[in-house]
């Protein structure tokens, strides 16, 4: 396998290409939210660049009656926290510069975390941006169900994971939800 830096570069380009192919991909993914594992409080994310947008999925989850929250980076080397959020609530940049709920929003612990990614495999392997924010958070919240949100074309063969990489329970794409296979 190529090193992670090379794979990240290739997958950023591929994700950007995929984003340009189907402007309705997030709408298609939102139609499959009933396939997700049950949960009361779902962490979504604010999409950056060519990440599959979670706003349409957030609106669908909200309409279904599920409570929502967004991740907040409070320190670049620490697990993220989550603050309660509803579509339309105001946001401000967190320590990583990503839009996040204001500090007065309630801090919560989600039972399902939707995460962006660059690549995924059928066994729950996830290649992220490389900052470690989600892996540190997953390690701090081991009971949360971890679901990748991606374009189906971001799937690759088996990723080589390091000891700090934490597997996903499944992935939601524009073609549906797929639970991770057992390793």
C-alpha atoms as a PDB file:
ATOM      1  CA  UNK A   1       0.000   0.000   0.000  1.00  0.00           C
ATOM      2  CA  UNK A   2       1.164   3.556  -0.622  1.00  0.00           C
ATOM      3  CA  UNK A   3       1.907   5.634   2.422  1.00  0.00           C
ATOM      4  CA  UNK A   4      -0.954   7.517   4.068  1.00  0.00           C
ATOM      5  CA  UNK A   5       0.203  10.908   2.793  1.00  0.00           C
ATOM      6  CA  UNK A   6       0.052   9.726  -0.831  1.00  0.00           C
ATOM      7  CA  UNK A   7      -3.271   7.962  -0.292  1.00  0.00           C
ATOM      8  CA  UNK A   8      -4.761  11.057   1.357  1.00  0.00           C
ATOM      9  CA  UNK A   9      -3.693  13.201  -1.587  1.00  0.00           C
ATOM     10  CA  UNK A  10      -5.174  10.766  -4.114  1.00  0.00           C
ATOM     11  CA  UNK A  11      -8.394  10.398  -2.147  1.00  0.00           C
ATOM     12  CA  UNK A  12      -8.833  14.164  -1.728  1.00  0.00           C
ATOM     13  CA  UNK A  13      -8.703  14.453  -5.512  1.00  0.00           C
ATOM     14  CA  UNK A  14     -11.110  11.523  -5.909  1.00  0.00           C
ATOM     15  CA  UNK A  15     -13.571  12.951  -3.361  1.00  0.00           C
ATOM     16  CA  UNK A  16     -13.490  16.294  -5.156  1.00  0.00           C
ATOM     17  CA  UNK A  17     -14.192  14.508  -8.455  1.00  0.00           C
ATOM     18  CA  UNK A  18     -17.067  12.545  -6.912  1.00  0.00           C
ATOM     19  CA  UNK A  19     -18.547  15.713  -5.388  1.00  0.00           C
ATOM     20  CA  UNK A  20     -18.682  17.228  -8.869  1.00  0.00           C
ATOM     21  CA  UNK A  21     -20.522  14.250 -10.344  1.00  0.00           C
ATOM     22  CA  UNK A  22     -23.678  14.272  -8.215  1.00  0.00           C
ATOM     23  CA  UNK A  23     -24.885  17.481  -6.600  1.00  0.00           C
ATOM     24  CA  UNK A  24     -27.775  15.498  -5.100  1.00  0.00           C
ATOM     25  CA  UNK A  25     -25.627  12.866  -3.318  1.00  0.00           C
ATOM     26  CA  UNK A  26     -26.456  14.200   0.168  1.00  0.00           C
ATOM     27  CA  UNK A  27     -30.177  14.160  -0.678  1.00  0.00           C
ATOM     28  CA  UNK A  28     -29.835  10.537  -1.805  1.00  0.00           C
ATOM     29  CA  UNK A  29     -27.959   9.623   1.400  1.00  0.00           C
ATOM     30  CA  UNK A  30     -30.641  11.335   3.509  1.00  0.00           C
ATOM     31  CA  UNK A  31     -33.250   8.988   2.034  1.00  0.00           C
ATOM     32  CA  UNK A  32     -31.419   6.109   3.753  1.00  0.00           C
ATOM     33  CA  UNK A  33     -31.326   7.424   7.338  1.00  0.00           C
ATOM     34  CA  UNK A  34     -33.912   4.858   8.444  1.00  0.00           C
ATOM     35  CA  UNK A  35     -31.223   2.215   7.782  1.00  0.00           C
ATOM     36  CA  UNK A  36     -28.904   3.729  10.416  1.00  0.00           C
ATOM     37  CA  UNK A  37     -28.624   2.041  13.814  1.00  0.00           C
ATOM     38  CA  UNK A  38     -31.125   3.368  16.369  1.00  0.00           C
ATOM     39  CA  UNK A  39     -30.028   6.444  18.311  1.00  0.00           C
ATOM     40  CA  UNK A  40     -31.472   9.341  20.244  1.00  0.00           C
ATOM     41  CA  UNK A  41     -28.661  11.891  19.875  1.00  0.00           C
ATOM     42  CA  UNK A  42     -26.749  12.029  16.587  1.00  0.00           C
ATOM     43  CA  UNK A  43     -23.540  13.963  16.011  1.00  0.00           C
ATOM     44  CA  UNK A  44     -23.420  15.375  12.506  1.00  0.00           C
ATOM     45  CA  UNK A  45     -20.652  17.606  11.135  1.00  0.00           C
ATOM     46  CA  UNK A  46     -20.272  20.827   9.201  1.00  0.00           C
ATOM     47  CA  UNK A  47     -18.870  19.838   5.807  1.00  0.00           C
ATOM     48  CA  UNK A  48     -15.595  21.389   4.704  1.00  0.00           C
ATOM     49  CA  UNK A  49     -14.504  21.450   1.072  1.00  0.00           C
ATOM     50  CA  UNK A  50     -15.672  18.420  -0.883  1.00  0.00           C
ATOM     51  CA  UNK A  51     -16.858  16.366   2.133  1.00  0.00           C
ATOM     52  CA  UNK A  52     -20.321  14.910   1.606  1.00  0.00           C
ATOM     53  CA  UNK A  53     -22.548  17.529   3.179  1.00  0.00           C
ATOM     54  CA  UNK A  54     -24.367  16.491   6.336  1.00  0.00           C
ATOM     55  CA  UNK A  55     -26.860  19.394   6.401  1.00  0.00           C
ATOM     56  CA  UNK A  56     -29.537  17.557   4.385  1.00  0.00           C
ATOM     57  CA  UNK A  57     -29.030  14.463   6.555  1.00  0.00           C
ATOM     58  CA  UNK A  58     -29.257  16.624   9.694  1.00  0.00           C
ATOM     59  CA  UNK A  59     -32.562  18.065   8.509  1.00  0.00           C
ATOM     60  CA  UNK A  60     -33.916  14.582   7.789  1.00  0.00           C
ATOM     61  CA  UNK A  61     -32.803  13.302  11.215  1.00  0.00           C
ATOM     62  CA  UNK A  62     -34.330  16.373  12.870  1.00  0.00           C
ATOM     63  CA  UNK A  63     -37.627  15.781  11.025  1.00  0.00           C
ATOM     64  CA  UNK A  64     -37.516  12.186  12.275  1.00  0.00           C
ATOM     65  CA  UNK A  65     -37.314  13.497  15.858  1.00  0.00           C
ATOM     66  CA  UNK A  66     -33.683  12.687  16.571  1.00  0.00           C
ATOM     67  CA  UNK A  67     -31.736  15.244  18.596  1.00  0.00           C
ATOM     68  CA  UNK A  68     -28.562  16.581  16.992  1.00  0.00           C
ATOM     69  CA  UNK A  69     -25.192  17.934  18.006  1.00  0.00           C
ATOM     70  CA  UNK A  70     -22.020  19.135  16.316  1.00  0.00           C
ATOM     71  CA  UNK A  71     -18.385  18.432  17.218  1.00  0.00           C
ATOM     72  CA  UNK A  72     -16.281  21.205  18.695  1.00  0.00           C
ATOM     73  CA  UNK A  73     -12.486  21.231  18.681  1.00  0.00           C
ATOM     74  CA  UNK A  74     -11.464  22.916  21.936  1.00  0.00           C
ATOM     75  CA  UNK A  75      -7.779  21.944  21.697  1.00  0.00           C
ATOM     76  CA  UNK A  76      -5.991  20.560  18.633  1.00  0.00           C
ATOM     77  CA  UNK A  77      -4.517  17.588  20.549  1.00  0.00           C
ATOM     78  CA  UNK A  78      -7.610  16.649  22.602  1.00  0.00           C
ATOM     79  CA  UNK A  79     -10.806  14.710  21.908  1.00  0.00           C
ATOM     80  CA  UNK A  80     -13.614  16.853  20.545  1.00  0.00           C
ATOM     81  CA  UNK A  81     -16.628  17.727  22.629  1.00  0.00           C
ATOM     82  CA  UNK A  82     -20.170  17.911  21.270  1.00  0.00           C
ATOM     83  CA  UNK A  83     -22.713  20.672  21.689  1.00  0.00           C
ATOM     84  CA  UNK A  84     -26.433  20.391  21.085  1.00  0.00           C
ATOM     85  CA  UNK A  85     -27.445  21.929  17.758  1.00  0.00           C
ATOM     86  CA  UNK A  86     -30.468  22.225  15.496  1.00  0.00           C
ATOM     87  CA  UNK A  87     -30.466  23.230  11.829  1.00  0.00           C
ATOM     88  CA  UNK A  88     -30.486  27.027  11.640  1.00  0.00           C
ATOM     89  CA  UNK A  89     -28.789  27.609  15.016  1.00  0.00           C
ATOM     90  CA  UNK A  90     -25.946  30.155  14.849  1.00  0.00           C
ATOM     91  CA  UNK A  91     -22.367  28.895  14.629  1.00  0.00           C
ATOM     92  CA  UNK A  92     -18.872  30.278  15.267  1.00  0.00           C
ATOM     93  CA  UNK A  93     -15.414  28.913  14.401  1.00  0.00           C
ATOM     94  CA  UNK A  94     -13.925  26.439  16.888  1.00  0.00           C
ATOM     95  CA  UNK A  95     -10.185  26.015  17.619  1.00  0.00           C
ATOM     96  CA  UNK A  96      -9.752  24.309  14.218  1.00  0.00           C
ATOM     97  CA  UNK A  97     -11.671  27.042  12.385  1.00  0.00           C
ATOM     98  CA  UNK A  98     -14.710  24.834  11.724  1.00  0.00           C
ATOM     99  CA  UNK A  99     -18.221  26.231  12.351  1.00  0.00           C
ATOM    100  CA  UNK A 100     -19.492  24.997  15.733  1.00  0.00           C
ATOM    101  CA  UNK A 101     -22.252  25.852  18.215  1.00  0.00           C
ATOM    102  CA  UNK A 102     -21.657  28.705  20.637  1.00  0.00           C
ATOM    103  CA  UNK A 103     -20.213  27.823  24.079  1.00  0.00           C
ATOM    104  CA  UNK A 104     -23.582  28.429  25.745  1.00  0.00           C
ATOM    105  CA  UNK A 105     -25.058  25.448  23.862  1.00  0.00           C
ATOM    106  CA  UNK A 106     -25.413  22.350  26.058  1.00  0.00           C
ATOM    107  CA  UNK A 107     -22.452  19.947  26.010  1.00  0.00           C
ATOM    108  CA  UNK A 108     -23.755  16.438  25.265  1.00  0.00           C
ATOM    109  CA  UNK A 109     -22.557  12.892  24.588  1.00  0.00           C
ATOM    110  CA  UNK A 110     -23.921  11.472  21.301  1.00  0.00           C
ATOM    111  CA  UNK A 111     -24.817   7.812  20.924  1.00  0.00           C
ATOM    112  CA  UNK A 112     -24.179   7.900  17.150  1.00  0.00           C
ATOM    113  CA  UNK A 113     -21.410   9.907  15.472  1.00  0.00           C
ATOM    114  CA  UNK A 114     -21.461  10.620  11.737  1.00  0.00           C
ATOM    115  CA  UNK A 115     -17.927  11.294  10.574  1.00  0.00           C
ATOM    116  CA  UNK A 116     -16.451  12.615   7.336  1.00  0.00           C
ATOM    117  CA  UNK A 117     -13.593  10.727   5.721  1.00  0.00           C
ATOM    118  CA  UNK A 118     -11.322  10.487   2.720  1.00  0.00           C
ATOM    119  CA  UNK A 119     -11.542   6.718   2.224  1.00  0.00           C
ATOM    120  CA  UNK A 120     -13.166   3.694   3.847  1.00  0.00           C
ATOM    121  CA  UNK A 121     -13.067  -0.061   3.479  1.00  0.00           C
ATOM    122  CA  UNK A 122     -15.652  -2.804   3.974  1.00  0.00           C
ATOM    123  CA  UNK A 123     -14.254  -3.681   7.423  1.00  0.00           C
ATOM    124  CA  UNK A 124     -14.797  -0.274   9.012  1.00  0.00           C
ATOM    125  CA  UNK A 125     -11.363   1.110   8.225  1.00  0.00           C
ATOM    126  CA  UNK A 126     -11.386   4.885   7.853  1.00  0.00           C
ATOM    127  CA  UNK A 127      -8.815   7.245   6.401  1.00  0.00           C
ATOM    128  CA  UNK A 128      -9.362  10.739   7.765  1.00  0.00           C
ATOM    129  CA  UNK A 129      -7.625  14.039   7.146  1.00  0.00           C
ATOM    130  CA  UNK A 130      -4.746  13.101   9.456  1.00  0.00           C
ATOM    131  CA  UNK A 131      -5.394  15.415  12.400  1.00  0.00           C
ATOM    132  CA  UNK A 132      -6.586  12.599  14.669  1.00  0.00           C
ATOM    133  CA  UNK A 133      -9.602  14.552  15.957  1.00  0.00           C
ATOM    134  CA  UNK A 134     -12.107  11.764  15.326  1.00  0.00           C
ATOM    135  CA  UNK A 135      -9.836   8.887  16.434  1.00  0.00           C
ATOM    136  CA  UNK A 136      -9.121  10.653  19.758  1.00  0.00           C
ATOM    137  CA  UNK A 137     -12.831  11.314  20.160  1.00  0.00           C
ATOM    138  CA  UNK A 138     -13.783   7.718  19.297  1.00  0.00           C
ATOM    139  CA  UNK A 139     -11.263   6.472  21.875  1.00  0.00           C
ATOM    140  CA  UNK A 140     -12.797   8.771  24.509  1.00  0.00           C
ATOM    141  CA  UNK A 141     -16.363   7.670  23.594  1.00  0.00           C
ATOM    142  CA  UNK A 142     -16.059   3.934  22.914  1.00  0.00           C
ATOM    143  CA  UNK A 143     -19.789   3.274  23.313  1.00  0.00           C
ATOM    144  CA  UNK A 144     -20.814   5.665  20.531  1.00  0.00           C
ATOM    145  CA  UNK A 145     -21.780   4.079  17.225  1.00  0.00           C
ATOM    146  CA  UNK A 146     -19.344   5.341  14.581  1.00  0.00           C
ATOM    147  CA  UNK A 147     -20.733   5.823  11.070  1.00  0.00           C
ATOM    148  CA  UNK A 148     -18.812   7.239   8.125  1.00  0.00           C
ATOM    149  CA  UNK A 149     -20.601   9.566   5.717  1.00  0.00           C
ATOM    150  CA  UNK A 150     -19.112   9.436   2.246  1.00  0.00           C
ATOM    151  CA  UNK A 151     -19.587   9.009  -1.469  1.00  0.00           C
ATOM    152  CA  UNK A 152     -19.778   5.327  -2.431  1.00  0.00           C
ATOM    153  CA  UNK A 153     -16.777   5.877  -4.714  1.00  0.00           C
ATOM    154  CA  UNK A 154     -14.572   6.589  -1.685  1.00  0.00           C
ATOM    155  CA  UNK A 155     -14.500   2.879  -0.835  1.00  0.00           C
ATOM    156  CA  UNK A 156     -11.092   1.259  -1.298  1.00  0.00           C
ATOM    157  CA  UNK A 157      -9.588  -2.164  -0.644  1.00  0.00           C
ATOM    158  CA  UNK A 158      -8.551  -2.978   2.917  1.00  0.00           C
ATOM    159  CA  UNK A 159      -6.848   0.002   4.568  1.00  0.00           C
ATOM    160  CA  UNK A 160      -3.775  -0.598   6.677  1.00  0.00           C
ATOM    161  CA  UNK A 161      -4.676   0.759  10.086  1.00  0.00           C
ATOM    162  CA  UNK A 162      -2.343   1.857  12.849  1.00  0.00           C
ATOM    163  CA  UNK A 163      -2.887   1.115  16.549  1.00  0.00           C
ATOM    164  CA  UNK A 164      -4.610   4.474  17.138  1.00  0.00           C
ATOM    165  CA  UNK A 165      -7.029   4.074  14.197  1.00  0.00           C
ATOM    166  CA  UNK A 166     -10.522   3.127  15.355  1.00  0.00           C
ATOM    167  CA  UNK A 167     -12.852   1.235  13.039  1.00  0.00           C
ATOM    168  CA  UNK A 168     -16.305   2.423  12.019  1.00  0.00           C
ATOM    169  CA  UNK A 169     -19.455   0.407  12.611  1.00  0.00           C
ATOM    170  CA  UNK A 170     -20.678   1.216   9.102  1.00  0.00           C
ATOM    171  CA  UNK A 171     -20.872   3.782   6.317  1.00  0.00           C
ATOM    172  CA  UNK A 172     -23.781   5.785   4.892  1.00  0.00           C
ATOM    173  CA  UNK A 173     -23.438   6.793   1.238  1.00  0.00           C
ATOM    174  CA  UNK A 174     -25.746   8.035  -1.481  1.00  0.00           C
ATOM    175  CA  UNK A 175     -26.613   4.405  -2.283  1.00  0.00           C
ATOM    176  CA  UNK A 176     -27.450   3.318   1.285  1.00  0.00           C
ATOM    177  CA  UNK A 177     -26.108   2.216   4.648  1.00  0.00           C
ATOM    178  CA  UNK A 178     -23.633  -0.668   4.878  1.00  0.00           C
ATOM    179  CA  UNK A 179     -22.598  -2.182   8.228  1.00  0.00           C
ATOM    180  CA  UNK A 180     -18.895  -2.939   8.536  1.00  0.00           C
ATOM    181  CA  UNK A 181     -17.824  -6.556   8.015  1.00  0.00           C
ATOM    182  CA  UNK A 182     -16.132  -8.368  10.858  1.00  0.00           C
ATOM    183  CA  UNK A 183     -12.350  -8.377  10.625  1.00  0.00           C
END
